[in-house]
Amino acid sequence: MTGRSNRAGFTLIELIIFVAVFTTAIIGFIVIFTSFLGIQTRQYAETEVNQQSQYFLTMLQNQIDAASIVDIPADIATSTLTLRAASSSNDPIQIYVNANVAYQKLGAAAPQPLTSSKVSMNSLSFTRRTNSGGRDIVQVSYTIQYAQGSVRYARSISTSLQKNGVAVFDSDLNPSVAGTYKLGASGGRWKSINDAVYFWAGRVGIGARYPTVGLEVDGGMRLNTAASEPACDSSNVGTFWHKQGGSGVKDTAEICVQSSTSNYVWYAVY
């Protein structure tokens, strides 16, 4: 009896089908894995951009709140925000972008970065908007994007910040230009200065909270001068002048008035 040996094997067609199925599975796995990595990387990029942008805005708001003055022209866009600090050691505060990195400079100290190399910031712009009867607003706009690898994620930010704190000064308050700026406005008058000089209904009170005449003084008023009175004319009519007489000589008190003949004369009160 002759023995027969049966050997099972893949035919060429079966081998081709197997290779095709295996290759398709590998390619599918690679595509899914690559997509997963891409999603993870993009999510990381979004998180990095959003966190650094939020930190920049929070820091900016804090510095505006702490500043005494927003020292940039009104209604003109500028790439550098200048704030006047309450502390002279930190004055002025400047915030700007250099080589796609945001910086903060306090007084004479070296600039400190506010964003890292993981992001790129550009087109930073500040505009101060005046608000009649209220606090000024700083409009801020910039573009910030992820700067690592091949992932590209960017955000364009445009927002407005308003000073929430009270201005504090540790030095003289001087205007940048003489004879240009006012303190207060007709629609937003100050109530008092140091709770000593009061403003009420267009009248001024010194120690008097609610003056009933143009100028009301709660307490004595002293005129002390050794100089001679000026000429009595239409520009000085109504002027009260006291002059010290010196040792052994009585003082004089006069008021500039218009006589019945339309002449201006100093009338002796004492």
Foldseek 3Di string as FASTA:
>chain_A
DDDDDDDDDDDPVRVVVVVVVVVVVVVVVVVVVVVVVVVVVLVVFVVQQVVLVVQVVVVVLVVLQQFQDFPDDAPDKDQKTWTAGQDPQQPIWIWHDDQQWIWIGGHPDDIDTSHDPQKGKDPWIWHWHDDVQDFIKIWIWIKMWGDDDDDTDIDIDIDIHTHDHHRHHPDDDDDPDPPDDDDADPVHDDQADVCQWGAEPCAIEGNDNHDPDNYHYDDDDDDEDQDDDDDQDPVQAQPWHWHPQPPPGHIWIWGWHQDPVRDTDTDTPD
